[in-house]
Amino acid sequence: MKRITLVDDSRITQMIIKGVLSENYEMDLQENGLDGIAAIKKFMPDLVLLDIHLPDIDGYEVCRVLKNDEKTRDIPIIFITSMDSVQERVKGFEAGSEDYVVKPFYPQELLARVKAHLATRSAKAQAVEVGRLMVFREMAVALSHEINNPLTALYAFLHVLWRETGNPGEMAAGSLMGMQAELDRIRRITEKLGQASQLAETRYNHEITMVDICNI
């Protein structure tokens, strides 16, 4: 179950939001900015809901601290506040938040926004993983080509040895056969590296493409 941290000093707001989200998400409730920052860095939630007016530091500063930390910068932050002016919204987005919800809000709207931002984060994480695996695939193919050149030469040298030794003794024949077996083993490995499979894609709901990263 995904974890959401709510930073809000209003017990009523905490109760309402927990009631909306707790069925689908694990909720962590914090009442001030400093405790919120500490809890977020410790537990690394999947999303943060953040009030602007807090007893110690304001939500803008909490947001800036989290977005300036490499460990927490990718956690989506949604401001939930009664402040509805354009200036406050702009300040929220400038601080680094992904969204801004004004109190009072419709529970269905909050749930939809949370789901959307969690889905976006999952998609970004998957894209990063696919990118890493694609780099690995390219390295594997390149490595296969690099190994194949000296491997071809070794096969040629081994062929010469078989030909020149004519009728080798038992020990020499065993050594040559062992070399042949190990070269064949290396060749099979390089073939697997060179045949790293392509991305497998499946379409869902007409617009969503799922990438099977296990088949890279």
C-alpha atoms as a PDB file:
ATOM      1  CA  MET A   1       0.000   0.000   0.000  1.00  0.00           C
ATOM      2  CA  LYS A   2       1.358   3.417  -0.955  1.00  0.00           C
ATOM      3  CA  ARG A   3       2.143   5.857   1.842  1.00  0.00           C
ATOM      4  CA  ILE A   4       0.955   9.482   2.034  1.00  0.00           C
ATOM      5  CA  THR A   5       2.193  12.042   4.552  1.00  0.00           C
ATOM      6  CA  LEU A   6      -0.226  14.824   5.485  1.00  0.00           C
ATOM      7  CA  VAL A   7       1.295  17.903   7.127  1.00  0.00           C
ATOM      8  CA  ASP A   8      -1.536  19.991   8.610  1.00  0.00           C
ATOM      9  CA  ASP A   9      -2.113  21.284  12.139  1.00  0.00           C
ATOM     10  CA  SER A  10      -5.908  21.130  11.840  1.00  0.00           C
ATOM     11  CA  ARG A  11      -7.275  17.991  13.477  1.00  0.00           C
ATOM     12  CA  ILE A  12     -10.503  18.431  11.524  1.00  0.00           C
ATOM     13  CA  THR A  13      -8.642  18.533   8.208  1.00  0.00           C
ATOM     14  CA  GLN A  14      -6.595  15.515   9.254  1.00  0.00           C
ATOM     15  CA  MET A  15      -9.761  13.583  10.085  1.00  0.00           C
ATOM     16  CA  ILE A  16     -11.470  14.509   6.796  1.00  0.00           C
ATOM     17  CA  ILE A  17      -8.489  13.672   4.579  1.00  0.00           C
ATOM     18  CA  LYS A  18      -7.731  10.470   6.441  1.00  0.00           C
ATOM     19  CA  GLY A  19     -11.350   9.455   5.973  1.00  0.00           C
ATOM     20  CA  VAL A  20     -11.092  10.052   2.225  1.00  0.00           C
ATOM     21  CA  LEU A  21      -7.755   8.338   1.636  1.00  0.00           C
ATOM     22  CA  SER A  22      -7.123   5.748   4.361  1.00  0.00           C
ATOM     23  CA  GLU A  23      -9.083   3.017   2.569  1.00  0.00           C
ATOM     24  CA  ASN A  24      -6.576   3.059  -0.300  1.00  0.00           C
ATOM     25  CA  TYR A  25      -3.413   4.487   1.250  1.00  0.00           C
ATOM     26  CA  GLU A  26      -1.357   4.295   4.432  1.00  0.00           C
ATOM     27  CA  MET A  27      -1.615   7.700   6.105  1.00  0.00           C
ATOM     28  CA  ASP A  28       1.070   9.458   8.164  1.00  0.00           C
ATOM     29  CA  LEU A  29      -0.156  12.604   9.955  1.00  0.00           C
ATOM     30  CA  GLN A  30       2.149  15.448  11.009  1.00  0.00           C
ATOM     31  CA  GLU A  31       1.131  18.738  12.649  1.00  0.00           C
ATOM     32  CA  ASN A  32       4.057  21.065  11.894  1.00  0.00           C
ATOM     33  CA  GLY A  33       6.643  21.687   9.225  1.00  0.00           C
ATOM     34  CA  LEU A  34       9.795  20.501  10.962  1.00  0.00           C
ATOM     35  CA  ASP A  35       8.227  17.245  12.141  1.00  0.00           C
ATOM     36  CA  GLY A  36       6.807  16.823   8.655  1.00  0.00           C
ATOM     37  CA  ILE A  37      10.221  17.206   7.017  1.00  0.00           C
ATOM     38  CA  ALA A  38      11.791  14.747   9.468  1.00  0.00           C
ATOM     39  CA  ALA A  39       9.040  12.161   8.936  1.00  0.00           C
ATOM     40  CA  ILE A  40       9.164  12.497   5.156  1.00  0.00           C
ATOM     41  CA  LYS A  41      12.941  12.044   5.047  1.00  0.00           C
ATOM     42  CA  LYS A  42      12.699   9.056   7.379  1.00  0.00           C
ATOM     43  CA  PHE A  43       9.772   7.172   5.823  1.00  0.00           C
ATOM     44  CA  MET A  44      10.001   8.407   2.194  1.00  0.00           C
ATOM     45  CA  PRO A  45       6.253   8.498   1.418  1.00  0.00           C
ATOM     46  CA  ASP A  46       4.943   8.229  -2.121  1.00  0.00           C
ATOM     47  CA  LEU A  47       3.165  11.611  -1.902  1.00  0.00           C
ATOM     48  CA  VAL A  48       2.908  14.607   0.441  1.00  0.00           C
ATOM     49  CA  LEU A  49      -0.195  16.685   1.222  1.00  0.00           C
ATOM     50  CA  LEU A  50       0.880  20.012   2.683  1.00  0.00           C
ATOM     51  CA  ASP A  51      -0.871  22.949   4.329  1.00  0.00           C
ATOM     52  CA  ILE A  52       0.623  26.433   3.945  1.00  0.00           C
ATOM     53  CA  HIS A  53      -0.104  27.840   7.421  1.00  0.00           C
ATOM     54  CA  LEU A  54       1.781  25.726   9.968  1.00  0.00           C
ATOM     55  CA  PRO A  55       2.764  26.486  13.599  1.00  0.00           C
ATOM     56  CA  ASP A  56       6.522  26.737  12.933  1.00  0.00           C
ATOM     57  CA  ILE A  57       7.680  27.177   9.325  1.00  0.00           C
ATOM     58  CA  ASP A  58       5.192  27.646   6.490  1.00  0.00           C
ATOM     59  CA  GLY A  59       4.375  25.086   3.846  1.00  0.00           C
ATOM     60  CA  TYR A  60       6.313  26.943   1.166  1.00  0.00           C
ATOM     61  CA  GLU A  61       9.526  26.499   3.136  1.00  0.00           C
ATOM     62  CA  VAL A  62       8.735  22.825   3.783  1.00  0.00           C
ATOM     63  CA  CYS A  63       8.233  22.346   0.066  1.00  0.00           C
ATOM     64  CA  ARG A  64      11.495  24.128  -0.817  1.00  0.00           C
ATOM     65  CA  VAL A  65      13.456  22.041   1.692  1.00  0.00           C
ATOM     66  CA  LEU A  66      12.082  18.801   0.273  1.00  0.00           C
ATOM     67  CA  LYS A  67      12.589  19.823  -3.358  1.00  0.00           C
ATOM     68  CA  ASN A  68      16.166  20.930  -2.680  1.00  0.00           C
ATOM     69  CA  ASP A  69      17.055  17.552  -1.181  1.00  0.00           C
ATOM     70  CA  GLU A  70      18.089  14.956  -3.761  1.00  0.00           C
ATOM     71  CA  LYS A  71      16.572  12.217  -1.613  1.00  0.00           C
ATOM     72  CA  THR A  72      13.067  13.732  -1.507  1.00  0.00           C
ATOM     73  CA  ARG A  73      12.864  15.988  -4.564  1.00  0.00           C
ATOM     74  CA  ASP A  74      10.895  13.486  -6.646  1.00  0.00           C
ATOM     75  CA  ILE A  75       8.117  13.015  -4.090  1.00  0.00           C
ATOM     76  CA  PRO A  76       4.971  14.760  -5.420  1.00  0.00           C
ATOM     77  CA  ILE A  77       3.695  17.562  -3.184  1.00  0.00           C
ATOM     78  CA  ILE A  78       0.106  18.813  -3.232  1.00  0.00           C
ATOM     79  CA  PHE A  79      -0.720  21.974  -1.298  1.00  0.00           C
ATOM     80  CA  ILE A  80      -4.083  21.809   0.493  1.00  0.00           C
ATOM     81  CA  THR A  81      -5.003  25.257   1.743  1.00  0.00           C
ATOM     82  CA  SER A  82      -7.812  27.777   2.106  1.00  0.00           C
ATOM     83  CA  MET A  83      -5.676  30.435   0.385  1.00  0.00           C
ATOM     84  CA  ASP A  84      -7.126  30.816  -3.102  1.00  0.00           C
ATOM     85  CA  SER A  85      -5.417  33.901  -4.537  1.00  0.00           C
ATOM     86  CA  VAL A  86      -3.421  33.727  -7.757  1.00  0.00           C
ATOM     87  CA  GLN A  87      -0.341  34.990  -5.911  1.00  0.00           C
ATOM     88  CA  GLU A  88      -0.494  32.150  -3.398  1.00  0.00           C
ATOM     89  CA  ARG A  89      -0.969  29.574  -6.131  1.00  0.00           C
ATOM     90  CA  VAL A  90       2.047  30.962  -7.988  1.00  0.00           C
ATOM     91  CA  LYS A  91       4.118  30.874  -4.791  1.00  0.00           C
ATOM     92  CA  GLY A  92       3.128  27.251  -4.301  1.00  0.00           C
ATOM     93  CA  PHE A  93       4.220  26.217  -7.774  1.00  0.00           C
ATOM     94  CA  GLU A  94       7.394  28.298  -7.547  1.00  0.00           C
ATOM     95  CA  ALA A  95       8.254  26.460  -4.325  1.00  0.00           C
ATOM     96  CA  GLY A  96       8.132  23.245  -6.346  1.00  0.00           C
ATOM     97  CA  SER A  97       4.713  21.719  -5.690  1.00  0.00           C
ATOM     98  CA  GLU A  98       3.003  19.555  -8.294  1.00  0.00           C
ATOM     99  CA  ASP A  99      -0.554  20.658  -7.471  1.00  0.00           C
ATOM    100  CA  TYR A 100      -2.680  23.044  -5.411  1.00  0.00           C
ATOM    101  CA  VAL A 101      -6.042  22.126  -3.875  1.00  0.00           C
ATOM    102  CA  VAL A 102      -8.228  24.760  -2.202  1.00  0.00           C
ATOM    103  CA  LYS A 103     -10.317  24.088   0.902  1.00  0.00           C
ATOM    104  CA  PRO A 104     -13.140  23.202   0.995  1.00  0.00           C
ATOM    105  CA  PHE A 105     -12.597  20.489  -1.593  1.00  0.00           C
ATOM    106  CA  TYR A 106     -14.657  17.638  -2.986  1.00  0.00           C
ATOM    107  CA  PRO A 107     -13.396  14.304  -1.626  1.00  0.00           C
ATOM    108  CA  GLN A 108     -13.644  12.723  -5.079  1.00  0.00           C
ATOM    109  CA  GLU A 109     -11.508  15.513  -6.541  1.00  0.00           C
ATOM    110  CA  LEU A 110      -8.785  15.053  -3.911  1.00  0.00           C
ATOM    111  CA  LEU A 111      -8.762  11.292  -4.436  1.00  0.00           C
ATOM    112  CA  ALA A 112      -8.547  11.756  -8.210  1.00  0.00           C
ATOM    113  CA  ARG A 113      -5.640  14.201  -7.932  1.00  0.00           C
ATOM    114  CA  VAL A 114      -3.766  11.898  -5.558  1.00  0.00           C
ATOM    115  CA  LYS A 115      -4.250   8.941  -7.895  1.00  0.00           C
ATOM    116  CA  ALA A 116      -3.119  11.003 -10.894  1.00  0.00           C
ATOM    117  CA  HIS A 117       0.098  12.201  -9.272  1.00  0.00           C
ATOM    118  CA  LEU A 118       0.951   8.754  -7.921  1.00  0.00           C
ATOM    119  CA  ALA A 119       0.404   7.301 -11.399  1.00  0.00           C
ATOM    120  CA  THR A 120       2.628   9.987 -12.911  1.00  0.00           C
ATOM    121  CA  ARG A 121       5.376   9.249 -10.418  1.00  0.00           C
ATOM    122  CA  SER A 122       5.141   5.512 -11.118  1.00  0.00           C
ATOM    123  CA  ALA A 123       5.355   6.183 -14.858  1.00  0.00           C
ATOM    124  CA  LYS A 124       8.446   8.367 -14.389  1.00  0.00           C
ATOM    125  CA  ALA A 125      10.105   5.712 -12.238  1.00  0.00           C
ATOM    126  CA  GLN A 126       9.333   3.062 -14.845  1.00  0.00           C
ATOM    127  CA  ALA A 127      10.747   5.287 -17.588  1.00  0.00           C
ATOM    128  CA  VAL A 128      13.977   5.719 -15.626  1.00  0.00           C
ATOM    129  CA  GLU A 129      14.239   1.962 -15.093  1.00  0.00           C
ATOM    130  CA  VAL A 130      13.596   1.282 -18.773  1.00  0.00           C
ATOM    131  CA  GLY A 131      16.288   3.805 -19.654  1.00  0.00           C
ATOM    132  CA  ARG A 132      18.778   2.086 -17.383  1.00  0.00           C
ATOM    133  CA  LEU A 133      17.946  -1.314 -18.818  1.00  0.00           C
ATOM    134  CA  MET A 134      18.271   0.004 -22.354  1.00  0.00           C
ATOM    135  CA  VAL A 135      21.748   1.282 -21.521  1.00  0.00           C
ATOM    136  CA  PHE A 136      22.591  -2.158 -20.120  1.00  0.00           C
ATOM    137  CA  ARG A 137      21.259  -3.772 -23.303  1.00  0.00           C
ATOM    138  CA  GLU A 138      23.408  -1.527 -25.498  1.00  0.00           C
ATOM    139  CA  MET A 139      26.453  -2.289 -23.363  1.00  0.00           C
ATOM    140  CA  ALA A 140      25.724  -6.020 -23.591  1.00  0.00           C
ATOM    141  CA  VAL A 141      25.504  -5.912 -27.381  1.00  0.00           C
ATOM    142  CA  ALA A 142      28.688  -3.842 -27.646  1.00  0.00           C
ATOM    143  CA  LEU A 143      30.491  -6.201 -25.261  1.00  0.00           C
ATOM    144  CA  SER A 144      29.376  -9.156 -27.349  1.00  0.00           C
ATOM    145  CA  HIS A 145      30.927  -7.632 -30.453  1.00  0.00           C
ATOM    146  CA  GLU A 146      34.157  -6.817 -28.605  1.00  0.00           C
ATOM    147  CA  ILE A 147      34.514 -10.402 -27.333  1.00  0.00           C
ATOM    148  CA  ASN A 148      33.667 -12.008 -30.674  1.00  0.00           C
ATOM    149  CA  ASN A 149      36.758 -10.655 -32.448  1.00  0.00           C
ATOM    150  CA  PRO A 150      39.386 -12.285 -30.171  1.00  0.00           C
ATOM    151  CA  LEU A 151      37.129 -15.336 -29.826  1.00  0.00           C
ATOM    152  CA  THR A 152      37.237 -15.869 -33.582  1.00  0.00           C
ATOM    153  CA  ALA A 153      41.030 -15.645 -33.479  1.00  0.00           C
ATOM    154  CA  LEU A 154      41.186 -18.226 -30.656  1.00  0.00           C
ATOM    155  CA  TYR A 155      39.070 -20.642 -32.668  1.00  0.00           C
ATOM    156  CA  ALA A 156      41.505 -20.219 -35.575  1.00  0.00           C
ATOM    157  CA  PHE A 157      44.538 -20.852 -33.335  1.00  0.00           C
ATOM    158  CA  LEU A 158      42.835 -23.921 -31.860  1.00  0.00           C
ATOM    159  CA  HIS A 159      42.181 -25.258 -35.354  1.00  0.00           C
ATOM    160  CA  VAL A 160      45.886 -24.838 -36.191  1.00  0.00           C
ATOM    161  CA  LEU A 161      46.872 -26.699 -33.016  1.00  0.00           C
ATOM    162  CA  TRP A 162      44.609 -29.626 -33.874  1.00  0.00           C
ATOM    163  CA  ARG A 163      46.027 -29.752 -37.377  1.00  0.00           C
ATOM    164  CA  GLU A 164      49.685 -29.417 -36.364  1.00  0.00           C
ATOM    165  CA  THR A 165      49.591 -31.961 -33.560  1.00  0.00           C
ATOM    166  CA  GLY A 166      48.320 -34.621 -35.968  1.00  0.00           C
ATOM    167  CA  ASN A 167      47.655 -37.492 -33.568  1.00  0.00           C
ATOM    168  CA  PRO A 168      48.092 -35.940 -30.097  1.00  0.00           C
ATOM    169  CA  GLY A 169      48.486 -37.978 -26.938  1.00  0.00           C
ATOM    170  CA  GLU A 170      45.702 -38.455 -24.446  1.00  0.00           C
ATOM    171  CA  MET A 171      46.733 -35.509 -22.247  1.00  0.00           C
ATOM    172  CA  ALA A 172      47.217 -33.107 -25.172  1.00  0.00           C
ATOM    173  CA  ALA A 173      43.938 -34.198 -26.770  1.00  0.00           C
ATOM    174  CA  GLY A 174      42.149 -33.692 -23.474  1.00  0.00           C
ATOM    175  CA  SER A 175      43.590 -30.196 -23.140  1.00  0.00           C
ATOM    176  CA  LEU A 176      42.576 -29.273 -26.688  1.00  0.00           C
ATOM    177  CA  MET A 177      39.071 -30.611 -26.130  1.00  0.00           C
ATOM    178  CA  GLY A 178      38.856 -28.649 -22.893  1.00  0.00           C
ATOM    179  CA  MET A 179      39.877 -25.475 -24.735  1.00  0.00           C
ATOM    180  CA  GLN A 180      37.236 -26.211 -27.373  1.00  0.00           C
ATOM    181  CA  ALA A 181      34.541 -26.663 -24.727  1.00  0.00           C
ATOM    182  CA  GLU A 182      35.412 -23.422 -22.936  1.00  0.00           C
ATOM    183  CA  LEU A 183      35.518 -21.464 -26.206  1.00  0.00           C
ATOM    184  CA  ASP A 184      32.111 -22.869 -27.097  1.00  0.00           C
ATOM    185  CA  ARG A 185      30.838 -21.762 -23.690  1.00  0.00           C
ATOM    186  CA  ILE A 186      32.134 -18.222 -24.234  1.00  0.00           C
ATOM    187  CA  ARG A 187      30.531 -18.174 -27.674  1.00  0.00           C
ATOM    188  CA  ARG A 188      27.135 -19.121 -26.211  1.00  0.00           C
ATOM    189  CA  ILE A 189      27.429 -16.325 -23.645  1.00  0.00           C
ATOM    190  CA  THR A 190      28.273 -13.738 -26.298  1.00  0.00           C
ATOM    191  CA  GLU A 191      25.333 -14.918 -28.394  1.00  0.00           C
ATOM    192  CA  LYS A 192      22.996 -14.312 -25.454  1.00  0.00           C
ATOM    193  CA  LEU A 193      24.491 -10.862 -24.918  1.00  0.00           C
ATOM    194  CA  GLY A 194      24.150 -10.023 -28.586  1.00  0.00           C
ATOM    195  CA  GLN A 195      20.541 -11.155 -28.723  1.00  0.00           C
ATOM    196  CA  ALA A 196      19.255  -8.988 -25.859  1.00  0.00           C
ATOM    197  CA  SER A 197      15.523  -8.787 -26.558  1.00  0.00           C
ATOM    198  CA  GLN A 198      13.630  -5.674 -27.584  1.00  0.00           C
ATOM    199  CA  LEU A 199      11.082  -3.886 -25.413  1.00  0.00           C
ATOM    200  CA  ALA A 200       7.749  -5.679 -25.232  1.00  0.00           C
ATOM    201  CA  GLU A 201       4.810  -3.259 -25.273  1.00  0.00           C
ATOM    202  CA  THR A 202       1.135  -3.865 -24.526  1.00  0.00           C
ATOM    203  CA  ARG A 203      -1.638  -1.289 -25.013  1.00  0.00           C
ATOM    204  CA  TYR A 204      -4.351  -0.744 -22.418  1.00  0.00           C
ATOM    205  CA  ASN A 205      -7.404   1.522 -22.527  1.00  0.00           C
ATOM    206  CA  HIS A 206      -6.464   2.773 -26.010  1.00  0.00           C
ATOM    207  CA  GLU A 207      -4.071   5.428 -24.666  1.00  0.00           C
ATOM    208  CA  ILE A 208      -1.824   3.728 -22.098  1.00  0.00           C
ATOM    209  CA  THR A 209       1.224   1.738 -23.158  1.00  0.00           C
ATOM    210  CA  MET A 210       2.665  -0.699 -20.621  1.00  0.00           C
ATOM    211  CA  VAL A 211       6.313  -1.660 -21.047  1.00  0.00           C
ATOM    212  CA  ASP A 212       7.428  -5.128 -20.002  1.00  0.00           C
ATOM    213  CA  ILE A 213      10.849  -4.311 -18.559  1.00  0.00           C
ATOM    214  CA  CYS A 214      11.457  -7.967 -17.752  1.00  0.00           C
ATOM    215  CA  ASN A 215      11.941  -8.715 -21.437  1.00  0.00           C
ATOM    216  CA  ILE A 216      14.684  -6.190 -22.089  1.00  0.00           C
END
